[in-house]
């Protein structure tokens, strides 16, 4: 099975990888890279190359990278991700300003002011180089 997601100016083809559908994309500036997935734990994650951090105190239990990766699952609030990997892919298609993509219960929108990803509960995050916000 193949999943086609289309939005103006971009046709993205996501093929299942181990029964997992996903789509990767980046902001027009290339500073924000995101992935949305729809598996047993659907969600979205965006990693940033450069930022002025809005959050500066990593949790005591995080010995990995922290502060530049934001995620939201189908339920619950957006979080800062403690991670040892990245979703940054310079080959990912660009999600142009004013465009959105939805996969499963999670949606992401690209605006000149940043990238916003939300779940059906209205929780998520908005990120830009200058400011990051969890909600």
N, C-alpha and C. Protein backbone atom coordinates (compact mmCIF):
# COMPACT_ATOMS: atom_id res chain seq x y z
N UNK A 1 0.84 -1.17 0.00
CA UNK A 1 0.00 0.00 0.00
C UNK A 1 0.88 1.24 0.00
N UNK A 2 0.50 2.23 -0.79
CA UNK A 2 1.22 3.50 -0.81
C UNK A 2 0.27 4.59 -0.39
N UNK A 3 0.80 5.58 0.25
CA UNK A 3 0.02 6.71 0.73
C UNK A 3 0.49 7.95 0.00
N UNK A 4 -0.41 8.61 -0.70
CA UNK A 4 -0.08 9.84 -1.40
C UNK A 4 -0.63 11.02 -0.63
N UNK A 5 0.21 11.98 -0.36
CA UNK A 5 -0.21 13.21 0.30
C UNK A 5 0.12 14.34 -0.66
N UNK A 6 -0.88 15.08 -1.05
CA UNK A 6 -0.65 16.15 -2.01
C UNK A 6 -1.06 17.48 -1.42
N UNK A 7 -0.28 18.49 -1.68
CA UNK A 7 -0.63 19.85 -1.35
C UNK A 7 0.01 20.72 -2.41
N UNK A 8 -0.47 21.93 -2.64
CA UNK A 8 -0.01 22.75 -3.76
C UNK A 8 1.52 22.83 -3.84
N UNK A 9 2.03 22.54 -5.01
CA UNK A 9 3.46 22.69 -5.23
C UNK A 9 4.31 21.53 -4.76
N UNK A 10 3.69 20.53 -4.15
CA UNK A 10 4.49 19.43 -3.62
C UNK A 10 3.68 18.16 -3.63
N UNK A 11 4.22 17.12 -4.16
CA UNK A 11 3.60 15.80 -4.09
C UNK A 11 4.57 14.92 -3.34
N UNK A 12 4.14 14.43 -2.22
CA UNK A 12 5.03 13.60 -1.41
C UNK A 12 4.50 12.18 -1.42
N UNK A 13 5.36 11.24 -1.62
CA UNK A 13 5.00 9.84 -1.63
C UNK A 13 5.67 9.18 -0.44
N UNK A 14 4.85 8.64 0.43
CA UNK A 14 5.39 7.94 1.59
C UNK A 14 5.04 6.47 1.44
N UNK A 15 6.03 5.62 1.53
CA UNK A 15 5.77 4.20 1.45
C UNK A 15 5.96 3.60 2.82
N UNK A 16 5.17 2.60 3.15
CA UNK A 16 5.30 2.00 4.47
C UNK A 16 6.69 1.42 4.69
N UNK A 17 7.22 1.66 5.84
CA UNK A 17 8.48 1.07 6.24
C UNK A 17 8.19 0.31 7.52
N UNK A 18 8.16 -0.99 7.44
CA UNK A 18 7.82 -1.82 8.60
C UNK A 18 6.44 -1.43 9.13
N UNK A 19 5.46 -1.32 8.24
CA UNK A 19 4.08 -0.98 8.58
C UNK A 19 3.95 0.41 9.19
N UNK A 20 4.86 1.30 8.84
CA UNK A 20 4.82 2.66 9.38
C UNK A 20 4.74 3.64 8.22
N UNK A 21 3.70 4.45 8.19
CA UNK A 21 3.58 5.50 7.18
C UNK A 21 4.17 6.77 7.76
N UNK A 22 4.91 7.51 6.95
CA UNK A 22 5.51 8.74 7.43
C UNK A 22 5.73 9.69 6.26
N UNK A 23 5.91 10.95 6.59
CA UNK A 23 6.30 11.94 5.60
C UNK A 23 7.29 12.89 6.26
N UNK A 24 8.34 13.20 5.54
CA UNK A 24 9.37 14.13 6.02
C UNK A 24 9.31 15.38 5.16
N UNK A 25 9.60 16.53 5.75
CA UNK A 25 9.57 17.79 5.02
C UNK A 25 10.42 18.81 5.77
N UNK A 26 10.70 19.93 5.10
CA UNK A 26 11.49 20.99 5.72
C UNK A 26 10.87 22.34 5.40
N UNK A 27 11.24 23.34 6.19
CA UNK A 27 10.78 24.70 5.96
C UNK A 27 11.47 25.27 4.73
N UNK A 28 10.91 26.32 4.13
CA UNK A 28 11.56 26.94 2.97
C UNK A 28 12.99 27.42 3.24
N UNK A 29 13.30 27.79 4.47
CA UNK A 29 14.66 28.23 4.80
C UNK A 29 15.62 27.06 4.99
N UNK A 30 15.07 25.86 5.20
CA UNK A 30 15.90 24.70 5.49
C UNK A 30 16.35 24.62 6.93
N UNK A 31 15.88 25.53 7.78
CA UNK A 31 16.28 25.53 9.18
C UNK A 31 15.47 24.56 10.03
N UNK A 32 14.23 24.30 9.64
CA UNK A 32 13.34 23.42 10.40
C UNK A 32 13.06 22.18 9.56
N UNK A 33 13.33 21.02 10.13
CA UNK A 33 13.08 19.74 9.45
C UNK A 33 12.12 18.93 10.31
N UNK A 34 11.09 18.37 9.66
CA UNK A 34 10.05 17.67 10.42
C UNK A 34 9.73 16.32 9.81
N UNK A 35 9.10 15.50 10.64
CA UNK A 35 8.57 14.22 10.20
C UNK A 35 7.26 13.98 10.94
N UNK A 36 6.26 13.51 10.20
CA UNK A 36 5.00 13.07 10.79
C UNK A 36 4.90 11.58 10.50
N UNK A 37 4.47 10.81 11.49
CA UNK A 37 4.33 9.38 11.29
C UNK A 37 2.97 8.91 11.81
N UNK A 38 2.50 7.83 11.22
CA UNK A 38 1.22 7.25 11.62
C UNK A 38 1.43 5.76 11.82
N UNK A 39 1.76 5.39 13.03
CA UNK A 39 1.90 3.98 13.39
C UNK A 39 1.12 3.76 14.67
N UNK A 40 1.57 2.87 15.53
CA UNK A 40 0.87 2.62 16.79
C UNK A 40 0.91 3.83 17.73
N UNK A 41 1.89 4.71 17.55
CA UNK A 41 2.04 5.92 18.37
C UNK A 41 2.24 7.11 17.43
N UNK A 42 1.18 7.55 16.73
CA UNK A 42 1.34 8.61 15.74
C UNK A 42 1.78 9.93 16.38
N UNK A 43 2.52 10.70 15.61
CA UNK A 43 2.99 11.98 16.11
C UNK A 43 3.78 12.74 15.08
N UNK A 44 4.39 13.82 15.53
CA UNK A 44 5.24 14.65 14.68
C UNK A 44 6.44 15.12 15.49
N UNK A 45 7.53 15.36 14.78
CA UNK A 45 8.74 15.88 15.41
C UNK A 45 9.39 16.86 14.45
N UNK A 46 9.86 17.97 14.98
CA UNK A 46 10.62 18.94 14.20
C UNK A 46 11.95 19.21 14.90
N UNK A 47 13.03 19.16 14.14
CA UNK A 47 14.36 19.47 14.63
C UNK A 47 14.82 20.76 13.96
N UNK A 48 15.57 21.56 14.70
CA UNK A 48 16.03 22.84 14.19
C UNK A 48 17.55 22.86 14.10
N UNK A 49 18.06 23.41 13.00
CA UNK A 49 19.51 23.55 12.83
C UNK A 49 20.05 24.70 13.67
N UNK A 50 19.35 25.84 13.63
CA UNK A 50 19.78 27.04 14.37
C UNK A 50 18.58 27.61 15.10
N UNK A 51 18.82 28.10 16.33
CA UNK A 51 17.76 28.72 17.09
C UNK A 51 18.32 29.53 18.24
N UNK A 52 17.54 30.49 18.67
CA UNK A 52 17.77 31.17 19.93
C UNK A 52 16.85 30.47 20.90
N UNK A 53 17.37 29.64 21.80
CA UNK A 53 16.51 28.78 22.61
C UNK A 53 15.58 29.53 23.56
N UNK A 54 14.31 29.16 23.50
CA UNK A 54 13.32 29.68 24.46
C UNK A 54 13.35 28.87 25.75
N UNK A 55 13.82 27.63 25.65
CA UNK A 55 13.92 26.74 26.81
C UNK A 55 15.39 26.45 27.03
N UNK A 56 15.88 26.69 28.24
CA UNK A 56 17.33 26.62 28.49
C UNK A 56 17.76 25.59 29.52
N UNK A 57 16.83 25.01 30.27
CA UNK A 57 17.21 24.08 31.33
C UNK A 57 16.82 22.65 30.97
N UNK A 58 17.77 21.84 30.55
CA UNK A 58 17.44 20.46 30.24
C UNK A 58 17.05 19.69 31.50
N UNK A 59 16.20 18.70 31.35
CA UNK A 59 15.84 17.90 32.52
C UNK A 59 17.05 17.12 33.02
N UNK A 60 17.08 16.85 34.29
CA UNK A 60 18.21 16.13 34.90
C UNK A 60 18.39 14.74 34.31
N UNK A 61 17.32 14.13 33.82
CA UNK A 61 17.41 12.75 33.32
C UNK A 61 17.75 12.68 31.83
N UNK A 62 18.15 13.79 31.21
CA UNK A 62 18.50 13.78 29.79
C UNK A 62 20.01 13.95 29.62
N UNK A 63 20.67 12.89 29.18
CA UNK A 63 22.11 12.92 28.94
C UNK A 63 22.42 13.07 27.45
N UNK A 64 21.38 13.27 26.63
CA UNK A 64 21.56 13.38 25.18
C UNK A 64 21.34 14.82 24.75
N UNK A 65 21.08 15.03 23.46
CA UNK A 65 20.81 16.37 22.95
C UNK A 65 19.43 16.83 23.39
N UNK A 66 19.31 18.10 23.68
CA UNK A 66 18.05 18.65 24.18
C UNK A 66 17.97 20.13 23.82
N UNK A 67 16.78 20.59 23.47
CA UNK A 67 16.55 22.00 23.23
C UNK A 67 16.29 22.39 21.79
N UNK A 68 16.59 21.50 20.85
CA UNK A 68 16.41 21.84 19.43
C UNK A 68 15.44 20.90 18.73
N UNK A 69 14.80 20.01 19.47
CA UNK A 69 13.88 19.03 18.89
C UNK A 69 12.56 19.06 19.66
N UNK A 70 11.46 19.18 18.92
CA UNK A 70 10.14 19.33 19.51
C UNK A 70 9.23 18.25 18.94
N UNK A 71 8.36 17.69 19.78
CA UNK A 71 7.47 16.64 19.28
C UNK A 71 6.11 16.72 19.94
N UNK A 72 5.15 16.09 19.28
CA UNK A 72 3.80 15.97 19.81
C UNK A 72 3.25 14.63 19.33
N UNK A 73 2.54 13.96 20.21
CA UNK A 73 1.89 12.71 19.84
C UNK A 73 0.41 12.97 19.63
N UNK A 74 -0.35 11.94 19.31
CA UNK A 74 -1.78 12.08 19.02
C UNK A 74 -2.55 12.63 20.22
N UNK A 75 -2.04 12.40 21.41
CA UNK A 75 -2.67 12.89 22.64
C UNK A 75 -1.60 13.50 23.52
N UNK A 76 -1.98 14.53 24.25
CA UNK A 76 -1.06 15.15 25.19
C UNK A 76 -0.38 16.37 24.63
N UNK A 77 0.34 17.08 25.49
CA UNK A 77 0.99 18.34 25.10
C UNK A 77 2.25 18.12 24.27
N UNK A 78 2.68 19.19 23.61
CA UNK A 78 3.95 19.17 22.92
C UNK A 78 5.08 19.10 23.94
N UNK A 79 6.20 18.51 23.54
CA UNK A 79 7.33 18.35 24.46
C UNK A 79 8.64 18.66 23.74
N UNK A 80 9.64 19.00 24.52
CA UNK A 80 11.02 19.04 24.04
C UNK A 80 11.54 17.62 24.09
N UNK A 81 12.20 17.19 23.03
CA UNK A 81 12.64 15.81 22.92
C UNK A 81 14.09 15.67 23.36
N UNK A 82 14.34 14.73 24.25
CA UNK A 82 15.69 14.31 24.61
C UNK A 82 16.08 13.26 23.58
N UNK A 83 17.07 13.53 22.74
CA UNK A 83 17.31 12.66 21.59
C UNK A 83 18.79 12.47 21.30
N UNK A 84 19.06 11.37 20.65
CA UNK A 84 20.41 11.07 20.20
C UNK A 84 20.45 10.88 18.69
N UNK A 85 19.34 11.27 18.02
CA UNK A 85 19.25 11.15 16.57
C UNK A 85 18.69 12.45 16.01
N UNK A 86 18.37 12.47 14.73
CA UNK A 86 17.82 13.68 14.12
C UNK A 86 16.86 13.30 12.99
N UNK A 87 15.93 14.19 12.69
CA UNK A 87 15.07 14.02 11.52
C UNK A 87 15.50 14.98 10.41
N UNK A 88 16.64 15.65 10.59
CA UNK A 88 17.13 16.57 9.57
C UNK A 88 17.56 15.78 8.34
N UNK A 89 16.96 16.13 7.21
CA UNK A 89 17.26 15.49 5.93
C UNK A 89 17.25 16.56 4.85
N UNK A 90 18.41 16.96 4.35
CA UNK A 90 18.46 18.02 3.34
C UNK A 90 17.74 17.65 2.05
N UNK A 91 17.43 16.38 1.84
CA UNK A 91 16.71 15.94 0.64
C UNK A 91 15.20 15.98 0.81
N UNK A 92 14.72 16.26 2.02
CA UNK A 92 13.27 16.29 2.26
C UNK A 92 12.62 17.41 1.45
N UNK A 93 11.40 17.18 0.95
CA UNK A 93 10.71 18.23 0.20
C UNK A 93 10.38 19.43 1.09
N UNK A 94 10.24 20.57 0.47
CA UNK A 94 9.91 21.81 1.18
C UNK A 94 8.39 21.92 1.33
N UNK A 95 7.96 22.24 2.54
CA UNK A 95 6.56 22.58 2.80
C UNK A 95 6.50 24.10 2.76
N UNK A 96 5.97 24.64 1.67
CA UNK A 96 5.97 26.08 1.46
C UNK A 96 5.12 26.84 2.46
N UNK A 97 5.41 28.13 2.58
CA UNK A 97 4.63 28.97 3.48
C UNK A 97 3.16 28.94 3.08
N UNK A 98 2.29 28.81 4.07
CA UNK A 98 0.86 28.74 3.82
C UNK A 98 0.36 27.33 3.53
N UNK A 99 1.25 26.35 3.51
CA UNK A 99 0.87 24.97 3.23
C UNK A 99 0.83 24.16 4.52
N UNK A 100 0.02 23.11 4.49
CA UNK A 100 -0.12 22.21 5.64
C UNK A 100 -0.07 20.78 5.15
N UNK A 101 0.27 19.89 6.07
CA UNK A 101 0.24 18.46 5.78
C UNK A 101 -0.32 17.75 7.00
N UNK A 102 -1.14 16.74 6.75
CA UNK A 102 -1.75 15.95 7.82
C UNK A 102 -1.50 14.48 7.53
N UNK A 103 -1.13 13.76 8.55
CA UNK A 103 -1.00 12.31 8.45
C UNK A 103 -1.53 11.73 9.74
N UNK A 104 -2.55 10.89 9.65
CA UNK A 104 -3.18 10.39 10.85
C UNK A 104 -3.80 11.55 11.60
N UNK A 105 -3.66 11.59 12.92
CA UNK A 105 -4.30 12.63 13.71
C UNK A 105 -3.47 13.91 13.88
N UNK A 106 -2.30 14.00 13.26
CA UNK A 106 -1.41 15.14 13.50
C UNK A 106 -1.26 15.97 12.22
N UNK A 107 -1.26 17.29 12.39
CA UNK A 107 -1.10 18.22 11.27
C UNK A 107 0.05 19.18 11.55
N UNK A 108 0.74 19.58 10.49
CA UNK A 108 1.78 20.61 10.59
C UNK A 108 1.52 21.65 9.52
N UNK A 109 1.75 22.91 9.87
CA UNK A 109 1.57 24.04 8.96
C UNK A 109 2.83 24.87 8.92
N UNK A 110 3.19 25.30 7.72
CA UNK A 110 4.36 26.14 7.51
C UNK A 110 3.90 27.58 7.26
N UNK A 111 4.41 28.50 8.05
CA UNK A 111 4.12 29.93 7.90
C UNK A 111 5.44 30.68 7.96
N UNK A 112 5.44 31.91 7.50
CA UNK A 112 6.66 32.72 7.58
C UNK A 112 7.10 32.90 9.02
N UNK A 113 6.16 32.79 9.96
CA UNK A 113 6.48 32.95 11.39
C UNK A 113 6.97 31.67 12.03
N UNK A 114 6.95 30.54 11.31
CA UNK A 114 7.45 29.28 11.86
C UNK A 114 6.61 28.09 11.48
N UNK A 115 6.94 26.96 12.05
CA UNK A 115 6.25 25.70 11.80
C UNK A 115 5.42 25.36 13.03
N UNK A 116 4.16 24.98 12.83
CA UNK A 116 3.27 24.59 13.92
C UNK A 116 2.76 23.19 13.66
N UNK A 117 2.86 22.32 14.66
CA UNK A 117 2.31 20.97 14.58
C UNK A 117 1.35 20.77 15.74
N UNK A 118 0.17 20.20 15.45
CA UNK A 118 -0.86 20.03 16.47
C UNK A 118 -1.52 18.67 16.37
N UNK A 119 -2.11 18.26 17.50
CA UNK A 119 -2.90 17.03 17.55
C UNK A 119 -4.38 17.42 17.67
N UNK A 120 -5.30 16.44 17.65
CA UNK A 120 -6.73 16.76 17.72
C UNK A 120 -7.15 17.47 19.00
N UNK A 121 -6.38 17.36 20.06
CA UNK A 121 -6.70 18.04 21.32
C UNK A 121 -6.29 19.51 21.30
N UNK A 122 -5.62 19.95 20.22
CA UNK A 122 -5.14 21.32 20.14
C UNK A 122 -3.79 21.54 20.78
N UNK A 123 -3.14 20.46 21.20
CA UNK A 123 -1.80 20.55 21.78
C UNK A 123 -0.75 20.44 20.68
N UNK A 124 0.45 20.91 20.98
CA UNK A 124 1.53 20.80 20.03
C UNK A 124 2.65 21.78 20.30
N UNK A 125 3.19 22.34 19.21
CA UNK A 125 4.29 23.29 19.33
C UNK A 125 4.34 24.19 18.11
N UNK A 126 4.93 25.35 18.30
CA UNK A 126 5.27 26.26 17.21
C UNK A 126 6.75 26.59 17.37
N UNK A 127 7.51 26.44 16.29
CA UNK A 127 8.95 26.70 16.36
C UNK A 127 9.38 27.64 15.23
N UNK A 128 10.30 28.50 15.58
CA UNK A 128 10.99 29.36 14.62
C UNK A 128 12.39 29.59 15.17
N UNK A 129 13.24 30.17 14.37
CA UNK A 129 14.61 30.41 14.82
C UNK A 129 14.63 31.30 16.07
N UNK A 130 13.72 32.28 16.12
CA UNK A 130 13.72 33.25 17.22
C UNK A 130 12.96 32.79 18.45
N UNK A 131 11.96 31.88 18.28
CA UNK A 131 11.12 31.53 19.42
C UNK A 131 10.52 30.14 19.24
N UNK A 132 10.39 29.42 20.35
CA UNK A 132 9.77 28.11 20.35
C UNK A 132 8.72 28.09 21.46
N UNK A 133 7.58 27.49 21.18
CA UNK A 133 6.50 27.47 22.15
C UNK A 133 5.84 26.09 22.16
N UNK A 134 5.66 25.55 23.37
CA UNK A 134 4.94 24.30 23.58
C UNK A 134 3.55 24.62 24.10
N UNK A 135 2.57 23.84 23.70
CA UNK A 135 1.22 24.05 24.23
C UNK A 135 0.45 22.74 24.23
